[in-house]
Amino acid sequence: YWRAQKKFRFNVIYKYNGAVPGFFVGDDGEAEQTKIPAYNMMDVTASYAFFKNRFTLSAGAKNLFDVQNLDVQNSGGGVHTGGDFVVSWGRSYFVSLKFDWL
C-alpha cells in the first residue's frame, strides 16, 4: 500500500500458496495421496479521489500471474480423471466509480 496524497492510492496484494497434500480414491478403491502444487497470486489497484473526495475512481487487475489450472500429481482415474485443480478463471481487469454522499 502506497499513498502519495489523500487523493491517490496504489495497492498491491500478493499471496503465496504453498503446496497442499490431498487424497483421492483410486481405481482399486484404496485411498491414495496426491499433491496440489504451490502457486502465487497478485492483484493491483490504483484509486483517485476527486470532487472534494466524494467520487473515487479505481482501476486494476486481479490474478496478474494468470493462474488458472494446476497440474495435480497422481490425481486418480475413472470418474476422477483430469489431473487439473481449478484455481481461478484467469486474469481479469476492472474499473469502478464510487460516490460518497456523507
C-alpha atoms as a PDB file:
ATOM      1  CA  TYR A   1       0.000   0.000   0.000  1.00  0.00           C
ATOM      2  CA  TRP A   2       1.427   3.375  -1.005  1.00  0.00           C
ATOM      3  CA  ARG A   3      -0.295   6.727  -0.665  1.00  0.00           C
ATOM      4  CA  ALA A   4       1.367   9.882  -2.001  1.00  0.00           C
ATOM      5  CA  GLN A   5      -1.539  12.133  -1.064  1.00  0.00           C
ATOM      6  CA  LYS A   6      -5.031  11.722   0.272  1.00  0.00           C
ATOM      7  CA  LYS A   7      -6.403  11.675  -3.264  1.00  0.00           C
ATOM      8  CA  PHE A   8      -4.292   8.892  -4.782  1.00  0.00           C
ATOM      9  CA  ARG A   9      -3.893   5.278  -3.581  1.00  0.00           C
ATOM     10  CA  PHE A  10      -1.975   2.375  -5.047  1.00  0.00           C
ATOM     11  CA  ASN A  11      -2.496  -1.142  -3.625  1.00  0.00           C
ATOM     12  CA  VAL A  12      -0.603  -4.344  -4.362  1.00  0.00           C
ATOM     13  CA  ILE A  13      -1.780  -7.604  -2.823  1.00  0.00           C
ATOM     14  CA  TYR A  14       0.461 -10.662  -3.155  1.00  0.00           C
ATOM     15  CA  LYS A  15      -0.201 -14.143  -1.790  1.00  0.00           C
ATOM     16  CA  TYR A  16       1.926 -17.267  -1.933  1.00  0.00           C
ATOM     17  CA  ASN A  17       0.000 -20.524  -1.537  1.00  0.00           C
ATOM     18  CA  GLY A  18       2.242 -23.427  -0.583  1.00  0.00           C
ATOM     19  CA  ALA A  19       1.865 -26.997  -1.754  1.00  0.00           C
ATOM     20  CA  VAL A  20      -1.015 -28.891  -0.122  1.00  0.00           C
ATOM     21  CA  PRO A  21      -1.382 -32.662   0.248  1.00  0.00           C
ATOM     22  CA  GLY A  22      -4.682 -34.249  -0.718  1.00  0.00           C
ATOM     23  CA  PHE A  23      -6.280 -37.671  -1.041  1.00  0.00           C
ATOM     24  CA  PHE A  24      -8.457 -39.437  -3.626  1.00  0.00           C
ATOM     25  CA  VAL A  25      -9.925 -42.904  -4.102  1.00  0.00           C
ATOM     26  CA  GLY A  26      -8.017 -44.853  -6.745  1.00  0.00           C
ATOM     27  CA  ASP A  27      -9.354 -47.363  -9.270  1.00  0.00           C
ATOM     28  CA  ASP A  28      -8.769 -50.185  -6.795  1.00  0.00           C
ATOM     29  CA  GLY A  29     -10.854 -48.445  -4.094  1.00  0.00           C
ATOM     30  CA  GLU A  30      -7.827 -47.582  -1.988  1.00  0.00           C
ATOM     31  CA  ALA A  31      -7.092 -44.076  -0.698  1.00  0.00           C
ATOM     32  CA  GLU A  32      -4.094 -42.556  -2.456  1.00  0.00           C
ATOM     33  CA  GLN A  33      -2.205 -39.368  -1.718  1.00  0.00           C
ATOM     34  CA  THR A  34      -1.765 -36.529  -4.196  1.00  0.00           C
ATOM     35  CA  LYS A  35      -0.218 -33.071  -4.015  1.00  0.00           C
ATOM     36  CA  ILE A  36      -1.581 -29.696  -5.153  1.00  0.00           C
ATOM     37  CA  PRO A  37       1.481 -27.639  -6.167  1.00  0.00           C
ATOM     38  CA  ALA A  38       2.369 -24.183  -4.822  1.00  0.00           C
ATOM     39  CA  TYR A  39       1.286 -21.063  -6.720  1.00  0.00           C
ATOM     40  CA  ASN A  40       1.347 -17.231  -6.491  1.00  0.00           C
ATOM     41  CA  MET A  41      -1.450 -14.669  -6.829  1.00  0.00           C
ATOM     42  CA  MET A  42      -1.190 -10.869  -7.194  1.00  0.00           C
ATOM     43  CA  ASP A  43      -3.752  -8.059  -7.501  1.00  0.00           C
ATOM     44  CA  VAL A  44      -3.060  -4.368  -8.268  1.00  0.00           C
ATOM     45  CA  THR A  45      -5.440  -1.417  -7.789  1.00  0.00           C
ATOM     46  CA  ALA A  46      -4.973   2.328  -8.360  1.00  0.00           C
ATOM     47  CA  SER A  47      -7.577   4.755  -6.972  1.00  0.00           C
ATOM     48  CA  TYR A  48      -8.042   8.505  -7.283  1.00  0.00           C
ATOM     49  CA  ALA A  49     -10.458  10.649  -5.233  1.00  0.00           C
ATOM     50  CA  PHE A  50     -11.827  13.890  -6.683  1.00  0.00           C
ATOM     51  CA  PHE A  51     -14.586  16.495  -6.298  1.00  0.00           C
ATOM     52  CA  LYS A  52     -13.968  17.065  -2.570  1.00  0.00           C
ATOM     53  CA  ASN A  53     -13.317  13.312  -2.130  1.00  0.00           C
ATOM     54  CA  ARG A  54     -16.952  12.482  -2.931  1.00  0.00           C
ATOM     55  CA  PHE A  55     -16.052  10.419  -6.012  1.00  0.00           C
ATOM     56  CA  THR A  56     -13.425   7.694  -6.174  1.00  0.00           C
ATOM     57  CA  LEU A  57     -12.305   6.224  -9.494  1.00  0.00           C
ATOM     58  CA  SER A  58     -10.497   2.878  -9.286  1.00  0.00           C
ATOM     59  CA  ALA A  59      -8.925   0.612 -11.884  1.00  0.00           C
ATOM     60  CA  GLY A  60      -6.877  -2.520 -11.582  1.00  0.00           C
ATOM     61  CA  ALA A  61      -6.197  -6.137 -12.382  1.00  0.00           C
ATOM     62  CA  LYS A  62      -6.682  -9.350 -10.447  1.00  0.00           C
ATOM     63  CA  ASN A  63      -4.660 -12.548 -10.779  1.00  0.00           C
ATOM     64  CA  LEU A  64      -1.796 -10.879 -12.668  1.00  0.00           C
ATOM     65  CA  PHE A  65       0.093 -14.174 -12.975  1.00  0.00           C
ATOM     66  CA  ASP A  66      -2.940 -15.675 -14.800  1.00  0.00           C
ATOM     67  CA  VAL A  67      -3.084 -18.794 -12.605  1.00  0.00           C
ATOM     68  CA  GLN A  68      -5.992 -20.958 -13.781  1.00  0.00           C
ATOM     69  CA  ASN A  69      -5.333 -24.695 -13.501  1.00  0.00           C
ATOM     70  CA  LEU A  70      -2.643 -26.567 -11.599  1.00  0.00           C
ATOM     71  CA  ASP A  71      -1.366 -29.997 -12.596  1.00  0.00           C
ATOM     72  CA  VAL A  72      -2.019 -32.381  -9.722  1.00  0.00           C
ATOM     73  CA  GLN A  73       0.273 -35.386  -9.355  1.00  0.00           C
ATOM     74  CA  ASN A  74      -1.321 -38.847  -9.031  1.00  0.00           C
ATOM     75  CA  SER A  75      -4.831 -37.477  -9.499  1.00  0.00           C
ATOM     76  CA  GLY A  76      -6.629 -40.767  -9.976  1.00  0.00           C
ATOM     77  CA  GLY A  77      -8.509 -42.414 -12.769  1.00  0.00           C
ATOM     78  CA  GLY A  78     -12.022 -43.242 -13.882  1.00  0.00           C
ATOM     79  CA  VAL A  79     -14.532 -40.611 -12.833  1.00  0.00           C
ATOM     80  CA  HIS A  80     -11.799 -38.569 -11.148  1.00  0.00           C
ATOM     81  CA  THR A  81      -9.543 -38.200 -14.174  1.00  0.00           C
ATOM     82  CA  GLY A  82      -8.286 -34.877 -15.402  1.00  0.00           C
ATOM     83  CA  GLY A  83      -5.301 -34.082 -13.235  1.00  0.00           C
ATOM     84  CA  ASP A  84      -6.163 -30.379 -13.010  1.00  0.00           C
ATOM     85  CA  PHE A  85      -7.012 -28.341  -9.928  1.00  0.00           C
ATOM     86  CA  VAL A  86      -9.018 -25.242 -10.910  1.00  0.00           C
ATOM     87  CA  VAL A  87      -7.799 -22.150  -9.026  1.00  0.00           C
ATOM     88  CA  SER A  88      -9.379 -19.234 -10.889  1.00  0.00           C
ATOM     89  CA  TRP A  89     -10.940 -18.221 -14.211  1.00  0.00           C
ATOM     90  CA  GLY A  90      -7.769 -16.268 -15.029  1.00  0.00           C
ATOM     91  CA  ARG A  91      -6.657 -12.665 -15.197  1.00  0.00           C
ATOM     92  CA  SER A  92      -9.375 -10.017 -15.005  1.00  0.00           C
ATOM     93  CA  TYR A  93      -9.498  -6.227 -15.153  1.00  0.00           C
ATOM     94  CA  PHE A  94     -11.910  -3.793 -13.545  1.00  0.00           C
ATOM     95  CA  VAL A  95     -12.902  -0.131 -13.340  1.00  0.00           C
ATOM     96  CA  SER A  96     -15.218   1.328 -10.709  1.00  0.00           C
ATOM     97  CA  LEU A  97     -16.649   4.709  -9.773  1.00  0.00           C
ATOM     98  CA  LYS A  98     -17.897   5.210  -6.217  1.00  0.00           C
ATOM     99  CA  PHE A  99     -19.912   8.084  -4.795  1.00  0.00           C
ATOM    100  CA  ASP A 100     -19.991   9.032  -1.094  1.00  0.00           C
ATOM    101  CA  TRP A 101     -22.751  11.458  -0.138  1.00  0.00           C
ATOM    102  CA  LEU A 102     -21.817  11.820   3.569  1.00  0.00           C
END
